[in-house]
C-alpha cells in the first residue's frame, strides 16, 4: 500500500468528524468571537484613576452566550479531530514500521546475496590462482624433464660416438697390423725372389 492510498483510505474519518454535528454553524469561529470579546473589553470606557472598565452588560452577555453555545460543539469537534489524528498517526506509524521492516529484510537479503556473491568470487579467484600455480608447476616440471631428456640424449649420443670411434679405431688398428704383416710377408717374398 502506498502512502497516498493510505491517506486517501483514512481521510474519510476526518471528513466524517468534520460533519459531527449538522446543526453546527460553519460561519462561527471561536477564535474570532474571543477576539471580539477582548476588543469589547479593551474598547470599553475605563473608570478614571482605576483599573476598572465599564462594559455594556447586554453586549458582553450576548458575546459570552454565543461562545458558550458553540464551545461544546467546537470542543467535541476538536476532540474528534484529535482522536482521528492520533488514530491516523498510529496507523501511519504502523505502516511506516512495516515499510521499514520490509526494507530492512530486503536489505538483509541483499547483504546475504552480496556476501554469497563475494564468497563465490573469492572461491573462484582462489581456484583460478591454484590452477595457475599448478599449470606453472607442471610447465616447469615438463621443461625440466625435457631438459633432462635432452641432456641424456646428448650424453648417449656422445657415448655412442665415442664407442663408434673406439670401434673404428680398433678395426683400423687391426687392419693396419694385418696390412703390416702382409707387407712384411710381401717384402720377404720379394727378397727371396731377388736372392734366388
Protein backbone atom coordinates (compact mmCIF):
# COMPACT_ATOMS: atom_id res chain seq x y z
CA UNK A 1 0.00 0.00 0.00
CA UNK A 2 1.43 3.40 -0.98
CA UNK A 3 1.34 6.39 1.37
CA UNK A 4 -1.07 8.20 -0.98
CA UNK A 5 -3.52 5.25 -0.93
CA UNK A 6 -3.17 5.03 2.85
CA UNK A 7 -4.02 8.73 3.31
CA UNK A 8 -6.92 8.50 0.84
CA UNK A 9 -8.41 5.48 2.60
CA UNK A 10 -8.13 7.06 6.03
CA UNK A 11 -9.14 10.60 5.08
CA UNK A 12 -12.85 9.64 5.26
CA UNK A 13 -12.60 9.54 9.05
CA UNK A 14 -11.56 13.20 9.16
CA UNK A 15 -14.36 14.13 6.77
CA UNK A 16 -16.83 12.29 8.99
CA UNK A 17 -15.54 14.02 12.10
CA UNK A 18 -15.89 17.43 10.39
CA UNK A 19 -19.59 16.77 9.87
CA UNK A 20 -20.01 15.69 13.51
CA UNK A 21 -22.92 17.97 14.20
CA UNK A 22 -25.16 19.00 11.29
CA UNK A 23 -26.60 21.85 13.35
CA UNK A 24 -23.14 23.37 13.87
CA UNK A 25 -22.88 26.82 12.29
CA UNK A 26 -19.94 26.68 9.87
CA UNK A 27 -19.80 30.52 9.92
CA UNK A 28 -18.98 30.57 13.67
CA UNK A 29 -15.32 30.92 14.58
CA UNK A 30 -14.50 30.62 18.29
CA UNK A 31 -11.21 32.46 17.86
CA UNK A 32 -12.91 35.43 16.20
CA UNK A 33 -15.58 35.52 18.95
CA UNK A 34 -12.92 35.51 21.68
CA UNK A 35 -11.07 38.29 19.85
CA UNK A 36 -14.33 40.27 19.61
CA UNK A 37 -14.87 39.79 23.39
CA UNK A 38 -11.33 41.03 24.08
CA UNK A 39 -11.92 44.07 21.84
CA UNK A 40 -15.19 44.79 23.63
CA UNK A 41 -13.36 44.87 26.97
CA UNK A 42 -10.38 46.87 25.61
CA UNK A 43 -12.52 49.44 23.81
CA UNK A 44 -14.95 49.92 26.71
CA UNK A 45 -14.89 53.06 28.81
CA UNK A 46 -12.46 52.99 31.75
CA UNK A 47 -13.22 54.44 35.19
CA UNK A 48 -10.82 57.35 35.75
CA UNK A 49 -8.00 56.73 38.27
CA UNK A 50 -8.82 52.96 38.44
CA UNK A 51 -8.18 49.77 36.53
CA UNK A 52 -11.89 49.15 36.12
CA UNK A 53 -13.74 49.21 32.79
CA UNK A 54 -17.39 49.84 32.15
CA UNK A 55 -18.70 47.17 29.76
CA UNK A 56 -22.13 47.02 28.16
CA UNK A 57 -23.71 44.14 30.06
CA UNK A 58 -26.09 43.11 27.29
CA UNK A 59 -23.36 43.00 24.65
CA UNK A 60 -20.99 41.14 27.00
CA UNK A 61 -23.61 38.55 27.95
CA UNK A 62 -24.62 38.09 24.31
CA UNK A 63 -20.97 37.52 23.36
CA UNK A 64 -20.46 35.05 26.23
CA UNK A 65 -23.70 33.26 25.34
CA UNK A 66 -22.52 32.85 21.72
CA UNK A 67 -19.24 31.37 22.92
CA UNK A 68 -20.96 29.08 25.46
CA UNK A 69 -23.39 27.88 22.84
CA UNK A 70 -20.74 26.89 20.33
CA UNK A 71 -17.91 25.90 22.68
CA UNK A 72 -19.16 22.32 23.40
CA UNK A 73 -19.57 21.67 19.67
CA UNK A 74 -16.09 23.07 18.95
CA UNK A 75 -14.59 21.06 21.79
CA UNK A 76 -16.30 17.87 20.63
CA UNK A 77 -15.17 18.51 17.05
CA UNK A 78 -11.64 19.28 18.20
CA UNK A 79 -11.56 16.13 20.35
CA UNK A 80 -12.90 14.03 17.46
CA UNK A 81 -10.31 15.54 15.11
CA UNK A 82 -7.58 14.94 17.70
CA UNK A 83 -8.79 11.34 18.15
CA UNK A 84 -8.84 10.74 14.39
CA UNK A 85 -5.47 12.46 14.09
CA UNK A 86 -4.00 10.15 16.73
CA UNK A 87 -5.56 7.15 15.00
CA UNK A 88 -4.22 8.24 11.60
CA UNK A 89 -0.78 8.90 13.12
CA UNK A 90 -0.83 5.48 14.83
CA UNK A 91 -1.86 3.77 11.57
CA UNK A 92 0.75 5.76 9.64
CA UNK A 93 3.40 4.79 12.21
CA UNK A 94 2.34 1.12 11.92
CA UNK A 95 2.51 1.36 8.15
CA UNK A 96 5.89 3.12 8.34
CA UNK A 97 7.10 0.41 10.72
CA UNK A 98 6.00 -2.28 8.25
CA UNK A 99 7.74 -0.44 5.39
CA UNK A 100 10.94 -0.07 7.44
CA UNK A 101 10.80 -3.75 8.47
CA UNK A 102 10.26 -4.82 4.86
CA UNK A 103 13.13 -2.56 3.72
CA UNK A 104 15.40 -3.99 6.44
CA UNK A 105 14.51 -7.55 5.40
CA UNK A 106 15.23 -6.70 1.76
CA UNK A 107 18.50 -5.01 2.76
CA UNK A 108 19.48 -8.07 4.82
CA UNK A 109 18.61 -10.36 1.90
CA UNK A 110 20.64 -8.18 -0.46
CA UNK A 111 23.55 -8.23 2.00
CA UNK A 112 23.33 -12.03 2.22
CA UNK A 113 23.15 -12.32 -1.58
CA UNK A 114 26.07 -9.90 -1.85
CA UNK A 115 28.04 -11.91 0.74
CA UNK A 116 27.33 -15.15 -1.18
CA UNK A 117 28.41 -13.48 -4.43
CA UNK A 118 31.59 -12.12 -2.81
CA UNK A 119 32.34 -15.57 -1.35
CA UNK A 120 31.77 -17.19 -4.77
CA UNK A 121 34.07 -14.61 -6.40
CA UNK A 122 36.69 -15.22 -3.69
CA UNK A 123 36.42 -19.00 -4.12
CA UNK A 124 36.67 -18.59 -7.89
CA UNK A 125 39.77 -16.41 -7.53
CA UNK A 126 41.36 -18.98 -5.19
CA UNK A 127 40.60 -21.84 -7.62
CA UNK A 128 41.95 -19.81 -10.56
CA UNK A 129 45.13 -18.98 -8.62
CA UNK A 130 45.56 -22.63 -7.62
CA UNK A 131 45.10 -23.80 -11.23
CA UNK A 132 47.56 -21.14 -12.47
CA UNK A 133 50.12 -22.28 -9.90
CA UNK A 134 49.57 -25.96 -10.81
CA UNK A 135 49.92 -25.13 -14.53
CA UNK A 136 53.10 -23.16 -13.86
CA UNK A 137 54.48 -26.03 -11.76
CA UNK A 138 53.52 -28.55 -14.47
CA UNK A 139 55.16 -26.34 -17.11
CA UNK A 140 58.36 -26.10 -15.06
CA UNK A 141 58.34 -29.87 -14.41
CA UNK A 142 57.81 -30.56 -18.14
CA UNK A 143 60.62 -28.18 -19.12
CA UNK A 144 62.84 -29.79 -16.52
CA UNK A 145 62.03 -33.29 -17.85
CA UNK A 146 62.61 -32.15 -21.45
CA UNK A 147 65.97 -30.66 -20.46
CA UNK A 148 66.89 -33.88 -18.63
CA UNK A 149 65.89 -35.97 -21.69
CA UNK A 150 67.93 -33.65 -23.92
CA UNK A 151 70.96 -33.96 -21.65
CA UNK A 152 70.52 -37.75 -21.55
CA UNK A 153 70.19 -37.88 -25.36
CA UNK A 154 73.33 -35.73 -25.79
CA UNK A 155 75.23 -37.91 -23.31
CA UNK A 156 74.02 -41.07 -25.08
CA UNK A 157 74.96 -39.65 -28.47
CA UNK A 158 78.42 -38.78 -27.17
CA UNK A 159 78.72 -42.24 -25.67
CA UNK A 160 77.66 -43.87 -28.96
CA UNK A 161 80.03 -41.58 -30.88
CA UNK A 162 82.89 -42.48 -28.57
CA UNK A 163 82.01 -46.19 -28.87
CA UNK A 164 81.87 -45.92 -32.67
CA UNK A 165 85.16 -44.02 -32.74
CA UNK A 166 86.78 -46.62 -30.48
CA UNK A 167 85.40 -49.46 -32.61
CA UNK A 168 86.59 -47.82 -35.84
CA UNK A 169 89.97 -47.15 -34.27
CA UNK A 170 90.21 -50.82 -33.19
CA UNK A 171 89.14 -52.03 -36.63
CA UNK A 172 91.63 -49.71 -38.34
CA UNK A 173 94.36 -50.72 -35.90
CA UNK A 174 93.69 -54.42 -36.59
CA UNK A 175 93.61 -53.69 -40.31
CA UNK A 176 96.85 -51.75 -40.06
CA UNK A 177 98.52 -54.61 -38.20
CA UNK A 178 97.20 -57.11 -40.76
CA UNK A 179 98.44 -54.91 -43.60
CA UNK A 180 101.86 -54.52 -41.96
CA UNK A 181 102.07 -58.26 -41.51
CA UNK A 182 101.05 -58.77 -45.16
CA UNK A 183 103.54 -56.11 -46.24
CA UNK A 184 106.26 -57.88 -44.27
CA UNK A 185 105.34 -61.20 -45.99
CA UNK A 186 105.41 -59.45 -49.40
CA UNK A 187 108.82 -57.88 -48.70
CA UNK A 188 110.16 -61.19 -47.54
CA UNK A 189 108.83 -62.90 -50.65
CA UNK A 190 110.46 -60.29 -52.93
CA UNK A 191 113.75 -60.62 -51.16
CA UNK A 192 113.67 -64.34 -51.64
CA UNK A 193 112.89 -63.81 -55.33
CA UNK A 194 115.78 -61.37 -55.72
CA UNK A 195 118.22 -63.75 -53.99
CA UNK A 196 117.02 -66.72 -55.85
